[in-house]
C-alpha atoms as a PDB file:
ATOM      1  CA  MET A   1     -32.821 -12.196 -32.516  1.00  0.00           C
ATOM      2  CA  ASP A   2     -31.591  -8.631 -32.953  1.00  0.00           C
ATOM      3  CA  VAL A   3     -31.693  -6.847 -36.302  1.00  0.00           C
ATOM      4  CA  ARG A   4     -27.845  -7.392 -36.745  1.00  0.00           C
ATOM      5  CA  GLU A   5     -28.125 -11.104 -36.176  1.00  0.00           C
ATOM      6  CA  LEU A   6     -31.232 -11.283 -38.459  1.00  0.00           C
ATOM      7  CA  ALA A   7     -29.404  -9.222 -41.207  1.00  0.00           C
ATOM      8  CA  ILE A   8     -26.423 -11.716 -41.107  1.00  0.00           C
ATOM      9  CA  GLN A   9     -28.848 -14.657 -41.119  1.00  0.00           C
ATOM     10  CA  GLN A  10     -30.477 -13.082 -44.350  1.00  0.00           C
ATOM     11  CA  LEU A  11     -27.131 -12.459 -45.940  1.00  0.00           C
ATOM     12  CA  LYS A  12     -26.420 -16.100 -45.577  1.00  0.00           C
ATOM     13  CA  THR A  13     -29.291 -16.799 -48.083  1.00  0.00           C
ATOM     14  CA  VAL A  14     -27.389 -14.868 -50.752  1.00  0.00           C
ATOM     15  CA  LEU A  15     -25.214 -17.288 -52.940  1.00  0.00           C
ATOM     16  CA  ASP A  16     -22.456 -16.770 -55.238  1.00  0.00           C
ATOM     17  CA  PRO A  17     -24.000 -18.276 -58.108  1.00  0.00           C
ATOM     18  CA  GLU A  18     -20.549 -19.686 -59.679  1.00  0.00           C
ATOM     19  CA  LEU A  19     -19.452 -21.155 -56.176  1.00  0.00           C
ATOM     20  CA  GLY A  20     -22.671 -21.823 -54.514  1.00  0.00           C
ATOM     21  CA  ILE A  21     -21.311 -20.311 -51.229  1.00  0.00           C
ATOM     22  CA  ASN A  22     -22.980 -17.423 -49.270  1.00  0.00           C
ATOM     23  CA  VAL A  23     -21.623 -14.014 -49.311  1.00  0.00           C
ATOM     24  CA  VAL A  24     -20.842 -13.991 -45.591  1.00  0.00           C
ATOM     25  CA  ASP A  25     -18.885 -17.301 -45.511  1.00  0.00           C
ATOM     26  CA  LEU A  26     -17.090 -16.126 -48.774  1.00  0.00           C
ATOM     27  CA  GLY A  27     -15.904 -13.061 -46.895  1.00  0.00           C
ATOM     28  CA  LEU A  28     -17.487 -10.581 -49.295  1.00  0.00           C
ATOM     29  CA  ILE A  29     -19.259  -8.488 -46.670  1.00  0.00           C
ATOM     30  CA  TYR A  30     -16.670  -6.020 -45.185  1.00  0.00           C
ATOM     31  CA  ASP A  31     -19.132  -3.825 -43.065  1.00  0.00           C
ATOM     32  CA  LEU A  32     -22.728  -3.767 -42.118  1.00  0.00           C
ATOM     33  CA  LYS A  33     -24.155  -0.598 -40.486  1.00  0.00           C
ATOM     34  CA  ILE A  34     -27.605  -0.569 -39.217  1.00  0.00           C
ATOM     35  CA  GLU A  35     -29.288   2.533 -37.756  1.00  0.00           C
ATOM     36  CA  ASP A  36     -32.726   4.043 -37.489  1.00  0.00           C
ATOM     37  CA  GLY A  37     -34.296   1.548 -40.002  1.00  0.00           C
ATOM     38  CA  HIS A  38     -31.367   1.852 -42.569  1.00  0.00           C
ATOM     39  CA  ILE A  39     -28.859  -0.671 -43.501  1.00  0.00           C
ATOM     40  CA  ASN A  40     -25.545   0.205 -45.257  1.00  0.00           C
ATOM     41  CA  VAL A  41     -23.551  -2.695 -46.689  1.00  0.00           C
ATOM     42  CA  LEU A  42     -19.962  -2.425 -47.834  1.00  0.00           C
ATOM     43  CA  MET A  43     -18.991  -5.413 -49.886  1.00  0.00           C
ATOM     44  CA  THR A  44     -16.796  -6.614 -52.507  1.00  0.00           C
ATOM     45  CA  LEU A  45     -16.873  -9.566 -54.978  1.00  0.00           C
ATOM     46  CA  THR A  46     -14.121 -12.195 -55.781  1.00  0.00           C
ATOM     47  CA  THR A  47     -12.995 -10.324 -58.840  1.00  0.00           C
ATOM     48  CA  PRO A  48     -13.346  -6.821 -60.394  1.00  0.00           C
ATOM     49  CA  GLY A  49     -15.599  -7.138 -63.460  1.00  0.00           C
ATOM     50  CA  CYS A  50     -17.439  -9.926 -62.109  1.00  0.00           C
ATOM     51  CA  PRO A  51     -20.328 -10.576 -64.614  1.00  0.00           C
ATOM     52  CA  LEU A  52     -22.475 -11.345 -61.601  1.00  0.00           C
ATOM     53  CA  HIS A  53     -21.958  -7.992 -60.018  1.00  0.00           C
ATOM     54  CA  ASP A  54     -25.628  -6.736 -60.307  1.00  0.00           C
ATOM     55  CA  SER A  55     -27.149 -10.239 -59.409  1.00  0.00           C
ATOM     56  CA  ILE A  56     -25.067 -10.547 -56.146  1.00  0.00           C
ATOM     57  CA  ALA A  57     -25.477  -6.822 -54.948  1.00  0.00           C
ATOM     58  CA  GLY A  58     -29.083  -6.910 -55.857  1.00  0.00           C
ATOM     59  CA  GLY A  59     -29.462 -10.227 -53.987  1.00  0.00           C
ATOM     60  CA  VAL A  60     -28.030  -8.706 -50.896  1.00  0.00           C
ATOM     61  CA  LYS A  61     -30.256  -5.664 -51.117  1.00  0.00           C
ATOM     62  CA  ARG A  62     -33.443  -7.827 -51.491  1.00  0.00           C
ATOM     63  CA  ALA A  63     -32.512 -10.199 -48.613  1.00  0.00           C
ATOM     64  CA  LEU A  64     -32.182  -7.253 -46.262  1.00  0.00           C
ATOM     65  CA  GLU A  65     -35.195  -5.441 -47.354  1.00  0.00           C
ATOM     66  CA  HIS A  66     -37.525  -8.168 -45.936  1.00  0.00           C
ATOM     67  CA  ILE A  67     -36.347  -7.499 -42.403  1.00  0.00           C
ATOM     68  CA  ASP A  68     -39.263  -5.904 -40.348  1.00  0.00           C
ATOM     69  CA  GLY A  69     -38.542  -2.160 -39.542  1.00  0.00           C
ATOM     70  CA  ILE A  70     -35.925  -1.827 -42.332  1.00  0.00           C
ATOM     71  CA  ARG A  71     -36.768   1.075 -44.542  1.00  0.00           C
ATOM     72  CA  ASP A  72     -33.947   1.506 -46.715  1.00  0.00           C
ATOM     73  CA  VAL A  73     -31.011  -0.672 -47.808  1.00  0.00           C
ATOM     74  CA  ARG A  74     -27.762   0.532 -49.616  1.00  0.00           C
ATOM     75  CA  VAL A  75     -25.136  -1.625 -50.893  1.00  0.00           C
ATOM     76  CA  GLN A  76     -21.831  -0.295 -52.033  1.00  0.00           C
ATOM     77  CA  VAL A  77     -19.381  -2.527 -53.772  1.00  0.00           C
ATOM     78  CA  THR A  78     -15.624  -1.805 -53.131  1.00  0.00           C
ATOM     79  CA  TRP A  79     -12.427  -3.074 -54.317  1.00  0.00           C
ATOM     80  CA  ASN A  80     -10.182  -1.985 -51.567  1.00  0.00           C
ATOM     81  CA  PRO A  81      -9.135  -4.047 -49.988  1.00  0.00           C
ATOM     82  CA  PRO A  82      -9.213  -6.566 -52.800  1.00  0.00           C
ATOM     83  CA  TRP A  83     -10.879  -9.963 -51.822  1.00  0.00           C
ATOM     84  CA  THR A  84      -8.642 -12.849 -51.236  1.00  0.00           C
ATOM     85  CA  PRO A  85      -9.474 -16.464 -50.382  1.00  0.00           C
ATOM     86  CA  GLU A  86      -7.957 -15.751 -46.913  1.00  0.00           C
ATOM     87  CA  ARG A  87     -11.239 -14.005 -46.203  1.00  0.00           C
ATOM     88  CA  MET A  88     -13.315 -17.159 -46.472  1.00  0.00           C
ATOM     89  CA  SER A  89     -14.572 -19.053 -43.465  1.00  0.00           C
ATOM     90  CA  GLU A  90     -13.721 -22.549 -42.690  1.00  0.00           C
ATOM     91  CA  GLU A  91     -17.311 -23.631 -43.803  1.00  0.00           C
ATOM     92  CA  ALA A  92     -16.790 -22.141 -47.166  1.00  0.00           C
ATOM     93  CA  LEU A  93     -13.321 -23.854 -47.351  1.00  0.00           C
ATOM     94  CA  ARG A  94     -14.967 -27.212 -46.445  1.00  0.00           C
ATOM     95  CA  GLN A  95     -17.509 -26.686 -49.212  1.00  0.00           C
ATOM     96  CA  LEU A  96     -14.899 -25.962 -51.732  1.00  0.00           C
ATOM     97  CA  GLY A  97     -12.975 -28.994 -50.456  1.00  0.00           C
ATOM     98  CA  HIS A  98     -10.019 -27.194 -49.143  1.00  0.00           C
ATOM     99  CA  PHE A  99     -10.370 -27.557 -45.410  1.00  0.00           C
ATOM    100  CA  THR A 100      -7.419 -26.410 -43.444  1.00  0.00           C
ATOM    101  CA  THR A 101      -6.765 -27.051 -39.863  1.00  0.00           C
ATOM    102  CA  MET A 102      -4.958 -23.658 -39.606  1.00  0.00           C
ATOM    103  CA  PRO A 103      -6.449 -21.372 -36.955  1.00  0.00           C
ATOM    104  CA  SER A 104      -8.475 -18.605 -38.709  1.00  0.00           C
ATOM    105  CA  LYS A 105      -6.402 -15.733 -37.242  1.00  0.00           C
ATOM    106  CA  GLU A 106      -3.427 -17.301 -39.039  1.00  0.00           C
ATOM    107  CA  ARG A 107      -5.169 -17.738 -42.579  1.00  0.00           C
END
């Protein structure tokens, strides 16, 4: 498994405590750059002013720090573009009981 796949697998262990769904399936991860032992994550949260900001961003950082060969993890939270439910995977929609048969490109 390459480092990017491992990083995504690790990110799927980080749950939004209120929803119980991982940050990848929620669509909170906007970008993941891996280079020379450094990982830069650009992510968002479901709402600005989220009281769990530090908990979720810290969980992302801690999850990635455990990957062999990674020396530095930086997590940047952005509000642009704002998160919308359309970013959620079908798995996340299922977990919330809102499964749709609409192809993901049209959501």
